[in-house]
Amino acid sequence: MYSRNDIRRRDYQAFLAAVRRSDWHETKKQKDSLGTALHNAVIFGQEQTVEELVNLLTVEELERKSSDGWTALAYAATGNLKMVKCMVTKNQNLIGIAEGAAK
């Protein structure tokens, strides 16, 4: 069984492949499914990048959901406590955001 992070990595690889082929229709389709830079940093386990992005983002931006309805916190909660603490320290409202349809 694949985890959400495995699926997201596969989506990212498809995105890069579309860019390399100059397949702009597929690139746009894949880009729309990738979410924010914060989502991707979490998915790829980039703790330092997550910390830097959290410092730059507003509390509202931290609440943004990916196209599949997940906050970056939800992805982090699948296995990275350090990232969770970093995001919740800045915005405790993240804890109460239901996953599902994107905002």
C-alpha atoms as a PDB file:
ATOM      1  CA  MET A   1       0.000   0.000   0.000  1.00  0.00           C
ATOM      2  CA  TYR A   2       1.243   3.484  -0.851  1.00  0.00           C
ATOM      3  CA  SER A   3       1.241   6.371   1.609  1.00  0.00           C
ATOM      4  CA  ARG A   4       0.006   9.842   0.657  1.00  0.00           C
ATOM      5  CA  ASN A   5       3.638  10.958   0.543  1.00  0.00           C
ATOM      6  CA  ASP A   6       4.522   8.181  -1.923  1.00  0.00           C
ATOM      7  CA  ILE A   7       1.671   9.310  -4.143  1.00  0.00           C
ATOM      8  CA  ARG A   8       2.742  12.965  -3.890  1.00  0.00           C
ATOM      9  CA  ARG A   9       6.327  12.052  -4.826  1.00  0.00           C
ATOM     10  CA  ARG A  10       5.001  10.198  -7.866  1.00  0.00           C
ATOM     11  CA  ASP A  11       2.909  13.265  -8.799  1.00  0.00           C
ATOM     12  CA  TYR A  12       5.996  15.481  -8.471  1.00  0.00           C
ATOM     13  CA  GLN A  13       8.015  13.153 -10.686  1.00  0.00           C
ATOM     14  CA  ALA A  14       5.223  13.262 -13.292  1.00  0.00           C
ATOM     15  CA  PHE A  15       5.306  17.062 -13.094  1.00  0.00           C
ATOM     16  CA  LEU A  16       9.066  17.172 -13.708  1.00  0.00           C
ATOM     17  CA  ALA A  17       8.767  14.714 -16.589  1.00  0.00           C
ATOM     18  CA  ALA A  18       6.070  16.882 -18.210  1.00  0.00           C
ATOM     19  CA  VAL A  19       8.302  19.962 -17.863  1.00  0.00           C
ATOM     20  CA  ARG A  20      11.233  18.121 -19.460  1.00  0.00           C
ATOM     21  CA  ARG A  21       9.018  17.074 -22.401  1.00  0.00           C
ATOM     22  CA  SER A  22       7.667  20.633 -22.766  1.00  0.00           C
ATOM     23  CA  ASP A  23       4.183  19.146 -22.412  1.00  0.00           C
ATOM     24  CA  TRP A  24       2.548  22.306 -21.097  1.00  0.00           C
ATOM     25  CA  HIS A  25      -0.961  20.864 -20.876  1.00  0.00           C
ATOM     26  CA  GLU A  26       0.268  18.042 -18.637  1.00  0.00           C
ATOM     27  CA  THR A  27       2.585  20.427 -16.752  1.00  0.00           C
ATOM     28  CA  LYS A  28      -0.363  22.664 -15.846  1.00  0.00           C
ATOM     29  CA  LYS A  29      -2.500  19.682 -14.856  1.00  0.00           C
ATOM     30  CA  GLN A  30       0.265  18.287 -12.619  1.00  0.00           C
ATOM     31  CA  LYS A  31       1.133  21.706 -11.167  1.00  0.00           C
ATOM     32  CA  ASP A  32      -2.445  22.220 -10.044  1.00  0.00           C
ATOM     33  CA  SER A  33      -2.319  18.959  -8.107  1.00  0.00           C
ATOM     34  CA  LEU A  34       0.969  19.657  -6.316  1.00  0.00           C
ATOM     35  CA  GLY A  35      -0.138  22.244  -3.763  1.00  0.00           C
ATOM     36  CA  THR A  36       2.086  24.875  -2.250  1.00  0.00           C
ATOM     37  CA  ALA A  37       5.837  25.017  -1.746  1.00  0.00           C
ATOM     38  CA  LEU A  38       5.202  24.310   1.941  1.00  0.00           C
ATOM     39  CA  HIS A  39       3.215  21.172   1.104  1.00  0.00           C
ATOM     40  CA  ASN A  40       6.042  19.944  -1.110  1.00  0.00           C
ATOM     41  CA  ALA A  41       8.751  20.739   1.443  1.00  0.00           C
ATOM     42  CA  VAL A  42       6.806  18.706   4.026  1.00  0.00           C
ATOM     43  CA  ILE A  43       6.250  15.808   1.641  1.00  0.00           C
ATOM     44  CA  PHE A  44       9.945  15.628   0.794  1.00  0.00           C
ATOM     45  CA  GLY A  45      11.004  15.902   4.452  1.00  0.00           C
ATOM     46  CA  GLN A  46      12.848  19.205   4.075  1.00  0.00           C
ATOM     47  CA  GLU A  47      12.711  20.386   7.707  1.00  0.00           C
ATOM     48  CA  GLN A  48      14.920  23.454   7.255  1.00  0.00           C
ATOM     49  CA  THR A  49      12.908  24.591   4.238  1.00  0.00           C
ATOM     50  CA  VAL A  50       9.666  24.079   6.174  1.00  0.00           C
ATOM     51  CA  GLU A  51      10.988  26.226   9.038  1.00  0.00           C
ATOM     52  CA  GLU A  52      12.043  28.994   6.647  1.00  0.00           C
ATOM     53  CA  LEU A  53       8.731  28.934   4.786  1.00  0.00           C
ATOM     54  CA  VAL A  54       6.727  28.969   8.023  1.00  0.00           C
ATOM     55  CA  ASN A  55       8.668  32.074   9.074  1.00  0.00           C
ATOM     56  CA  LEU A  56       7.806  33.771   5.766  1.00  0.00           C
ATOM     57  CA  LEU A  57       4.152  32.764   5.477  1.00  0.00           C
ATOM     58  CA  THR A  58       1.173  34.443   7.114  1.00  0.00           C
ATOM     59  CA  VAL A  59      -1.045  32.414   9.435  1.00  0.00           C
ATOM     60  CA  GLU A  60      -3.684  32.400   6.690  1.00  0.00           C
ATOM     61  CA  GLU A  61      -1.218  31.004   4.154  1.00  0.00           C
ATOM     62  CA  LEU A  62      -0.393  28.178   6.560  1.00  0.00           C
ATOM     63  CA  GLU A  63      -4.070  27.174   6.375  1.00  0.00           C
ATOM     64  CA  ARG A  64      -4.037  26.698   2.599  1.00  0.00           C
ATOM     65  CA  LYS A  65      -5.113  23.276   1.421  1.00  0.00           C
ATOM     66  CA  SER A  66      -3.730  21.313  -1.498  1.00  0.00           C
ATOM     67  CA  SER A  67      -6.028  20.391  -4.365  1.00  0.00           C
ATOM     68  CA  ASP A  68      -6.814  17.139  -2.559  1.00  0.00           C
ATOM     69  CA  GLY A  69      -7.925  19.041   0.547  1.00  0.00           C
ATOM     70  CA  TRP A  70      -4.963  18.561   2.896  1.00  0.00           C
ATOM     71  CA  THR A  71      -3.103  21.237   4.831  1.00  0.00           C
ATOM     72  CA  ALA A  72       0.676  21.020   5.046  1.00  0.00           C
ATOM     73  CA  LEU A  73       0.155  20.226   8.738  1.00  0.00           C
ATOM     74  CA  ALA A  74      -1.885  17.156   7.817  1.00  0.00           C
ATOM     75  CA  TYR A  75       0.969  15.873   5.671  1.00  0.00           C
ATOM     76  CA  ALA A  76       3.493  16.592   8.426  1.00  0.00           C
ATOM     77  CA  ALA A  77       1.304  14.785  10.955  1.00  0.00           C
ATOM     78  CA  THR A  78       1.860  11.547   9.052  1.00  0.00           C
ATOM     79  CA  GLY A  79       5.361  11.357  10.437  1.00  0.00           C
ATOM     80  CA  ASN A  80       7.290  14.525  11.228  1.00  0.00           C
ATOM     81  CA  LEU A  81       6.704  15.921  14.711  1.00  0.00           C
ATOM     82  CA  LYS A  82       9.315  18.668  14.283  1.00  0.00           C
ATOM     83  CA  MET A  83       7.437  20.106  11.295  1.00  0.00           C
ATOM     84  CA  VAL A  84       4.121  19.830  13.150  1.00  0.00           C
ATOM     85  CA  LYS A  85       5.493  21.787  16.119  1.00  0.00           C
ATOM     86  CA  CYS A  86       6.952  24.432  13.815  1.00  0.00           C
ATOM     87  CA  MET A  87       3.620  25.080  12.078  1.00  0.00           C
ATOM     88  CA  VAL A  88       1.391  24.864  15.162  1.00  0.00           C
ATOM     89  CA  THR A  89       3.663  27.238  17.082  1.00  0.00           C
ATOM     90  CA  LYS A  90       2.886  29.892  14.477  1.00  0.00           C
ATOM     91  CA  ASN A  91      -0.809  29.067  13.968  1.00  0.00           C
ATOM     92  CA  GLN A  92      -2.711  26.991  16.535  1.00  0.00           C
ATOM     93  CA  ASN A  93      -5.858  27.256  14.390  1.00  0.00           C
ATOM     94  CA  LEU A  94      -4.313  24.671  12.072  1.00  0.00           C
ATOM     95  CA  ILE A  95      -5.253  21.957  14.556  1.00  0.00           C
ATOM     96  CA  GLY A  96      -8.960  22.592  14.011  1.00  0.00           C
ATOM     97  CA  ILE A  97      -8.988  22.643  10.209  1.00  0.00           C
ATOM     98  CA  ALA A  98     -10.839  19.658   8.813  1.00  0.00           C
ATOM     99  CA  GLU A  99      -9.267  17.891   5.893  1.00  0.00           C
ATOM    100  CA  GLY A 100     -11.329  17.449   2.775  1.00  0.00           C
ATOM    101  CA  ALA A 101     -12.366  19.884   0.087  1.00  0.00           C
ATOM    102  CA  ALA A 102      -9.747  22.525  -0.701  1.00  0.00           C
ATOM    103  CA  LYS A 103     -10.431  26.136   0.305  1.00  0.00           C
END
